[in-house]
Amino acid sequence: MNPKDKIYWIKISFAIITALICGFFDMSGWYGLFFGLFMLLTAYYISLFLVRREIEEIGGVWTVFFTGLFTYIFLWLVIWSLIYTATIK
């Protein structure tokens, strides 16, 4: 598995986990947004740790951050919205 694939899968996994936590713990508004951003930064640092030897091959630290960024945001928001809508009391 090449380093960019690892980064994508880490961010996809974190997006799903974050959306499940935000949805089932009724995080809404700013709490959910800040938790999602915190988990994005956590996924970024874990990605840096896992591909630390191949950073130059990938294209640098910014490439690690932007790889899978929009996938994370889209997947997190869609799953969070679906769960939040399904669990409205």
Protein backbone atom coordinates (compact mmCIF):
# COMPACT_ATOMS: atom_id res chain seq x y z
CA MET A 1 0.00 0.00 0.00
CA ASN A 2 1.50 3.31 -0.98
CA PRO A 3 1.68 6.22 1.51
CA LYS A 4 -1.16 8.23 -0.05
CA ASP A 5 -3.48 5.24 0.24
CA LYS A 6 -2.62 4.97 3.92
CA ILE A 7 -3.47 8.64 4.42
CA TYR A 8 -6.82 8.27 2.62
CA TRP A 9 -7.81 5.24 4.67
CA ILE A 10 -6.80 6.89 7.94
CA LYS A 11 -8.90 9.96 7.15
CA ILE A 12 -11.86 7.90 5.92
CA SER A 13 -11.75 5.81 9.12
CA PHE A 14 -11.55 8.91 11.30
CA ALA A 15 -14.41 10.57 9.41
CA ILE A 16 -16.69 7.58 10.00
CA ILE A 17 -15.73 7.28 13.68
CA THR A 18 -16.14 11.02 14.22
CA ALA A 19 -19.53 11.07 12.52
CA LEU A 20 -20.75 8.15 14.63
CA ILE A 21 -19.60 9.84 17.83
CA CYS A 22 -21.13 13.19 16.84
CA GLY A 23 -24.39 11.58 15.79
CA PHE A 24 -24.97 9.20 18.66
CA PHE A 25 -23.82 11.57 21.41
CA ASP A 26 -26.11 14.33 20.11
CA MET A 27 -23.31 16.78 19.39
CA SER A 28 -24.75 19.69 17.49
CA GLY A 29 -23.60 23.12 16.49
CA TRP A 30 -20.21 24.29 17.64
CA TYR A 31 -19.48 21.23 19.77
CA GLY A 32 -19.76 18.90 16.81
CA LEU A 33 -17.80 21.25 14.56
CA PHE A 34 -14.92 21.62 17.01
CA PHE A 35 -14.87 17.89 17.71
CA GLY A 36 -14.74 17.19 13.97
CA LEU A 37 -11.84 19.61 13.51
CA PHE A 38 -10.04 18.12 16.50
CA MET A 39 -10.38 14.65 15.03
CA LEU A 40 -9.16 15.93 11.65
CA LEU A 41 -6.00 17.22 13.31
CA THR A 42 -5.64 13.92 15.15
CA ALA A 43 -5.92 12.03 11.85
CA TYR A 44 -3.33 14.38 10.36
CA TYR A 45 -0.80 13.73 13.12
CA ILE A 46 -1.38 9.98 12.98
CA SER A 47 -0.87 10.13 9.20
CA LEU A 48 2.37 12.05 9.71
CA PHE A 49 3.54 9.44 12.19
CA LEU A 50 2.73 6.50 9.92
CA VAL A 51 4.32 7.93 6.75
CA ARG A 52 7.16 9.86 8.37
CA ARG A 53 9.81 8.11 6.29
CA GLU A 54 8.04 8.74 2.98
CA ILE A 55 7.11 12.41 3.45
CA GLU A 56 9.54 13.60 0.76
CA GLU A 57 8.23 10.93 -1.61
CA ILE A 58 4.66 12.12 -1.06
CA GLY A 59 5.42 15.79 -1.57
CA GLY A 60 5.78 17.29 1.88
CA VAL A 61 3.82 17.94 5.03
CA TRP A 62 1.14 20.02 3.31
CA THR A 63 0.41 17.19 0.90
CA VAL A 64 -0.20 14.91 3.90
CA PHE A 65 -2.68 17.46 5.26
CA PHE A 66 -4.56 18.06 1.99
CA THR A 67 -4.66 14.43 0.87
CA GLY A 68 -8.10 13.17 1.78
CA LEU A 69 -9.15 16.47 3.40
CA PHE A 70 -12.32 16.98 1.36
CA THR A 71 -13.14 13.28 1.57
CA TYR A 72 -12.95 13.54 5.37
CA ILE A 73 -15.11 16.67 5.53
CA PHE A 74 -17.75 15.36 3.11
CA LEU A 75 -18.00 11.90 4.64
CA TRP A 76 -18.08 13.25 8.20
CA LEU A 77 -20.82 15.79 7.44
CA VAL A 78 -22.99 13.39 5.45
CA ILE A 79 -22.87 10.55 7.99
CA TRP A 80 -23.29 12.96 10.92
CA SER A 81 -26.31 14.57 9.24
CA LEU A 82 -27.92 11.22 8.47
CA ILE A 83 -27.46 9.92 12.00
CA TYR A 84 -28.57 13.19 13.58
CA THR A 85 -31.68 13.27 11.40
CA ALA A 86 -32.49 9.63 12.15
CA THR A 87 -32.14 10.08 15.90
CA ILE A 88 -34.18 13.28 16.32
CA LYS A 89 -36.58 12.76 19.20
